[in-house]
Protein backbone atom coordinates (compact mmCIF):
# COMPACT_ATOMS: atom_id res chain seq x y z
CA MET A 1 22.22 76.60 -240.10
CA SER A 2 25.18 74.46 -241.13
CA ALA A 3 25.55 72.05 -243.87
CA TRP A 4 28.41 69.35 -243.63
CA ASN A 5 29.78 66.07 -245.81
CA LYS A 6 30.83 63.69 -242.52
CA ASP A 7 33.15 66.09 -240.64
CA ASP A 8 33.40 68.50 -243.21
CA LEU A 9 31.94 72.56 -242.74
CA VAL A 10 30.42 72.83 -246.61
CA GLY A 11 27.90 75.30 -245.80
CA LEU A 12 27.04 78.03 -243.68
CA ILE A 13 24.63 80.91 -243.13
CA SER A 14 24.24 83.04 -240.28
CA ALA A 15 21.29 85.16 -239.15
CA ILE A 16 20.88 87.90 -236.18
CA ASP A 17 17.34 89.44 -234.86
CA ASP A 18 15.78 91.29 -232.75
CA GLY A 19 12.89 88.99 -232.08
CA ALA A 20 10.20 90.42 -233.55
CA ILE A 21 10.78 93.12 -236.42
CA ASN A 22 14.58 92.31 -238.02
CA ALA A 23 15.92 89.25 -239.47
CA PHE A 24 19.67 90.12 -240.57
CA ILE A 25 21.37 87.27 -242.91
CA THR A 26 25.27 88.25 -242.04
CA TYR A 27 26.74 85.85 -244.14
CA LEU A 28 25.52 82.57 -246.48
CA LEU A 29 28.84 80.55 -247.46
CA VAL A 30 28.94 77.33 -249.32
CA LYS A 31 32.79 75.94 -250.24
CA PRO A 32 32.86 76.63 -254.52
CA GLU A 33 33.04 72.66 -254.86
CA TYR A 34 29.83 72.36 -253.11
CA GLN A 35 28.02 75.93 -254.64
CA LYS A 36 25.44 74.77 -257.51
CA GLN A 37 23.93 71.60 -255.84
CA GLY A 38 20.87 73.37 -253.92
CA LEU A 39 22.65 73.90 -250.18
CA GLY A 40 22.02 77.73 -250.50
CA LYS A 41 18.53 77.52 -251.56
CA ILE A 42 18.01 75.02 -249.01
CA MET A 43 19.95 77.20 -245.78
CA MET A 44 18.15 80.51 -247.89
CA ASN A 45 14.56 78.83 -247.64
CA ASP A 46 15.35 77.60 -244.24
CA PHE A 47 16.00 81.32 -243.11
CA CYS A 48 13.04 82.87 -244.95
CA LYS A 49 10.47 79.93 -243.41
CA ARG A 50 12.16 80.26 -239.73
CA TYR A 51 11.69 84.67 -239.91
CA GLU A 52 8.39 84.74 -241.63
CA GLY A 53 6.05 86.87 -240.04
CA PHE A 54 9.18 89.43 -239.18
CA GLY A 55 8.45 92.73 -240.42
CA ARG A 56 11.90 93.19 -242.65
CA ARG A 57 14.40 90.29 -243.67
CA ILE A 58 17.81 91.89 -244.72
CA VAL A 59 20.83 90.46 -246.10
CA SER A 60 23.68 92.64 -247.09
CA THR A 61 25.77 91.74 -250.20
CA GLU A 62 27.47 92.37 -253.77
CA LEU A 63 25.69 93.49 -256.04
CA ASP A 64 26.45 90.99 -258.83
CA LYS A 65 24.60 88.40 -256.28
CA GLU A 66 21.21 90.44 -256.70
CA LYS A 67 19.65 87.79 -259.16
CA TYR A 68 20.63 85.12 -256.21
CA TYR A 69 18.53 86.30 -253.72
CA ASN A 70 15.87 88.29 -256.21
CA LYS A 71 14.84 84.28 -256.32
CA PHE A 72 14.10 84.61 -252.33
CA GLY A 73 11.76 87.69 -252.66
CA PHE A 74 14.73 90.07 -251.46
CA THR A 75 14.87 93.52 -253.67
CA ILE A 76 16.96 96.36 -253.09
CA ASP A 77 15.27 98.99 -251.14
CA GLY A 78 17.21 102.40 -250.13
CA ILE A 79 20.63 102.58 -248.86
CA VAL A 80 22.74 100.90 -246.37
CA MET A 81 25.32 103.30 -244.59
CA PHE A 82 28.92 102.28 -242.57
CA ASN A 83 31.63 103.27 -241.41
CA LYS A 84 34.15 100.94 -242.92
CA ASP A 85 37.28 102.44 -241.14
CA TRP A 86 34.95 101.30 -237.71
CA LYS A 87 38.35 100.35 -235.70
CA GLU A 88 39.61 103.82 -236.06
CA ASP A 89 36.59 104.48 -233.21
CA PHE A 90 38.78 102.64 -230.69
CA ARG A 91 42.24 103.98 -231.34
CA ASP A 92 44.01 104.85 -227.73
């Protein structure tokens, strides 16, 4: 989902899903000058509605954003593991 002001892209939410169980928000972006105007809330509500009934709706974010995502029912549950140096896996 995207938000536009004429020809200017001002907000974007991207999600990946497996069709039934997992829906993962890869990012939620709102241009700084458009923040605090409800665009993120509209996009998050759309995401939650679109993926209602999925077993897990997941977001990966910084800890200082936890309270924002709590408003939409997200809570910290367990840990996430990842390899920051994934490019190293593809060395010649």
